[in-house]
Amino acid sequence: MQTVDSALRFAPRRRRLRGGVRITTEQDAAHPNPTFIPAANHAAQWLADRIGGIAQSGIPEALFNVPGTAHILGGAVIATDPTHGVIDAHGQVFGYQNLLITDGSALPANPGVNPSLTITALAEHTIVHVPHAHTREPRMAMKQTEAPVSPGFSGLTGPPGRDFA
């Protein structure tokens, strides 16, 4: 993973044809995401030399200075209600009890770098709101000495006719 300090911010954009708003990312002008990472280019060239290949960059990176990713994200929009998204701010799927989304599908757009740490932080944020099996208190209210994982998590249930257990 790169260690360059870079930043993106999520920004609303109006949809031209279908109406409504979508979330996109904007680069921070002071800390843009690099499209050229010397260590990565060196590794690609080293490997290309050994296997008879050609080290290349992606077209958006080379032509438009826009970083790309192989990490496909999105699909489970975080919102305040089910008419605007799939999950709430704690990862709870609207309309289903005990069904959480804690992966990259909750990220609205590519953060510009490997998203594994962002996904981990999102998962940690989600799990602290899961009630402890014995006390039913949210984990964030637990004392530091208590076990962070509940062995007695109950099955998933959804609306009538859509049970997961």
Protein backbone atom coordinates (compact mmCIF):
# COMPACT_ATOMS: atom_id res chain seq x y z
CA MET A 1 0.00 0.00 0.00
CA GLN A 2 1.12 3.51 -0.64
CA THR A 3 2.04 5.75 2.25
CA VAL A 4 1.59 9.06 0.41
CA ASP A 5 -0.69 11.44 2.30
CA SER A 6 -3.57 12.01 -0.09
CA ALA A 7 -7.21 12.90 0.33
CA LEU A 8 -10.55 12.65 -1.41
CA ARG A 9 -13.87 14.05 -0.41
CA PHE A 10 -17.31 12.81 -1.34
CA ALA A 11 -19.39 15.36 -3.22
CA PRO A 12 -23.01 15.33 -4.41
CA ARG A 13 -23.55 15.70 -8.16
CA ARG A 14 -26.91 16.23 -9.88
CA ARG A 15 -27.82 13.58 -12.44
CA ARG A 16 -28.48 15.20 -15.79
CA LEU A 17 -30.86 12.76 -17.43
CA ARG A 18 -32.55 10.83 -14.63
CA GLY A 19 -32.65 13.58 -12.03
CA GLY A 20 -31.69 13.16 -8.41
CA VAL A 21 -28.25 13.24 -6.88
CA ARG A 22 -25.33 10.82 -6.94
CA ILE A 23 -22.19 10.77 -4.85
CA THR A 24 -18.82 11.20 -6.56
CA THR A 25 -15.32 11.84 -5.32
CA GLU A 26 -13.20 14.95 -5.70
CA GLN A 27 -9.47 15.10 -5.26
CA ASP A 28 -8.10 17.41 -2.62
CA ALA A 29 -6.04 19.96 -4.55
CA ALA A 30 -3.46 20.17 -1.75
CA HIS A 31 -3.11 16.38 -1.39
CA PRO A 32 -4.13 14.71 -4.69
CA ASN A 33 -4.02 10.95 -5.17
CA PRO A 34 -0.95 10.11 -7.22
CA THR A 35 -1.35 8.49 -10.61
CA PHE A 36 2.36 7.73 -10.71
CA ILE A 37 3.85 5.81 -7.78
CA PRO A 38 7.58 5.25 -8.33
CA ALA A 39 7.76 2.01 -6.29
CA ALA A 40 4.83 0.52 -8.22
CA ASN A 41 6.30 1.51 -11.58
CA HIS A 42 9.68 0.09 -10.58
CA ALA A 43 8.05 -3.22 -9.53
CA ALA A 44 6.06 -3.39 -12.78
CA GLN A 45 9.19 -2.73 -14.86
CA TRP A 46 11.21 -5.29 -12.88
CA LEU A 47 8.56 -7.95 -13.50
CA ALA A 48 8.14 -7.00 -17.17
CA ASP A 49 11.90 -7.34 -17.73
CA ARG A 50 11.89 -10.85 -16.25
CA ILE A 51 8.88 -12.20 -18.14
CA GLY A 52 9.34 -10.38 -21.44
CA GLY A 53 6.33 -8.13 -20.88
CA ILE A 54 5.65 -4.43 -21.16
CA ALA A 55 5.02 -2.32 -18.06
CA GLN A 56 2.04 -0.06 -18.65
CA SER A 57 -0.27 2.35 -16.85
CA GLY A 58 -4.03 2.53 -17.15
CA ILE A 59 -5.47 4.80 -19.82
CA PRO A 60 -7.27 7.16 -17.38
CA GLU A 61 -4.06 7.54 -15.37
CA ALA A 62 -1.84 8.15 -18.40
CA LEU A 63 -4.14 10.40 -20.43
CA PHE A 64 -6.31 12.19 -17.88
CA ASN A 65 -4.26 12.01 -14.65
CA VAL A 66 -7.16 10.19 -12.97
CA PRO A 67 -6.24 7.33 -10.61
CA GLY A 68 -7.96 4.02 -11.32
CA THR A 69 -8.67 0.97 -9.22
CA ALA A 70 -9.37 -2.73 -9.48
CA HIS A 71 -11.47 -2.48 -6.33
CA ILE A 72 -15.12 -2.44 -7.32
CA LEU A 73 -17.12 -0.64 -4.65
CA GLY A 74 -20.60 0.67 -3.98
CA GLY A 75 -24.07 -0.73 -4.35
CA ALA A 76 -25.27 -0.56 -0.74
CA VAL A 77 -25.79 3.16 -0.27
CA ILE A 78 -25.66 4.56 3.28
CA ALA A 79 -28.75 6.72 3.87
CA THR A 80 -31.19 7.95 6.48
CA ASP A 81 -34.11 5.86 5.17
CA PRO A 82 -34.84 3.03 2.69
CA THR A 83 -36.12 5.40 0.02
CA HIS A 84 -32.62 6.82 -0.35
CA GLY A 85 -30.35 3.85 0.34
CA VAL A 86 -29.78 0.29 1.50
CA ILE A 87 -28.19 0.67 4.95
CA ASP A 88 -28.17 3.15 7.81
CA ALA A 89 -25.07 4.82 9.31
CA HIS A 90 -24.46 1.72 11.46
CA GLY A 91 -24.48 -0.76 8.56
CA GLN A 92 -27.97 -2.10 9.35
CA VAL A 93 -29.92 -3.10 6.22
CA PHE A 94 -33.27 -1.32 6.12
CA GLY A 95 -36.18 -3.75 6.64
CA TYR A 96 -34.07 -6.62 7.99
CA GLN A 97 -33.23 -7.37 11.59
CA ASN A 98 -29.62 -8.40 12.32
CA LEU A 99 -28.41 -8.07 8.71
CA LEU A 100 -25.34 -5.83 8.46
CA ILE A 101 -23.18 -4.77 5.54
CA THR A 102 -19.57 -4.16 6.49
CA ASP A 103 -17.71 -4.44 3.21
CA GLY A 104 -16.74 -2.23 0.28
CA SER A 105 -20.27 -2.18 -1.09
CA ALA A 106 -21.06 0.46 1.56
CA LEU A 107 -18.44 2.85 0.14
CA PRO A 108 -20.11 5.19 -2.36
CA ALA A 109 -17.03 5.61 -4.55
CA ASN A 110 -13.40 4.67 -4.96
CA PRO A 111 -11.31 6.40 -2.26
CA GLY A 112 -8.39 6.57 -4.71
CA VAL A 113 -6.11 4.15 -2.87
CA ASN A 114 -6.40 0.53 -1.79
CA PRO A 115 -9.65 0.62 0.20
CA SER A 116 -8.79 -2.16 2.67
CA LEU A 117 -8.11 0.18 5.60
CA THR A 118 -11.23 2.24 4.86
CA ILE A 119 -13.32 -0.96 4.72
CA THR A 120 -11.75 -2.14 7.99
CA ALA A 121 -12.60 1.16 9.68
CA LEU A 122 -16.15 0.96 8.36
CA ALA A 123 -16.49 -2.61 9.67
CA GLU A 124 -15.17 -1.56 13.09
CA HIS A 125 -17.60 1.37 13.16
CA THR A 126 -20.46 -1.01 12.33
CA ILE A 127 -19.55 -3.70 14.87
CA VAL A 128 -19.38 -1.33 17.84
CA HIS A 129 -23.11 -0.77 17.43
CA VAL A 130 -23.96 -4.48 17.58
CA PRO A 131 -25.46 -5.25 20.99
CA HIS A 132 -23.54 -7.59 23.29
CA ALA A 133 -25.29 -11.00 23.37
CA HIS A 134 -25.60 -11.12 27.16
CA THR A 135 -26.31 -7.50 28.13
CA ARG A 136 -27.93 -6.28 24.85
CA GLU A 137 -25.93 -3.06 25.30
CA PRO A 138 -24.06 -1.68 22.29
CA ARG A 139 -20.42 -2.75 22.29
CA MET A 140 -19.27 0.85 22.47
CA ALA A 141 -20.85 1.01 25.94
CA MET A 142 -18.92 -2.08 27.11
CA LYS A 143 -15.98 -1.83 29.45
CA GLN A 144 -12.55 -2.30 27.89
CA THR A 145 -12.06 -5.56 29.83
CA GLU A 146 -15.03 -7.33 28.21
CA ALA A 147 -14.59 -9.61 25.21
CA PRO A 148 -15.18 -7.73 21.95
CA VAL A 149 -16.75 -10.71 20.12
CA SER A 150 -20.08 -12.26 20.96
CA PRO A 151 -20.23 -16.05 20.59
CA GLY A 152 -24.03 -16.05 20.86
CA PHE A 153 -25.07 -13.93 17.86
CA SER A 154 -28.64 -14.79 16.89
CA GLY A 155 -29.80 -15.70 13.39
CA LEU A 156 -30.81 -13.22 10.73
CA THR A 157 -34.46 -12.40 10.26
CA GLY A 158 -36.12 -10.15 7.73
CA PRO A 159 -39.61 -8.98 6.89
CA PRO A 160 -42.36 -11.65 6.83
CA GLY A 161 -41.46 -14.34 4.32
CA ARG A 162 -37.82 -13.28 4.12
CA ASP A 163 -36.14 -14.95 7.08
CA PHE A 164 -32.46 -15.85 6.89
CA ALA A 165 -32.23 -18.17 9.91
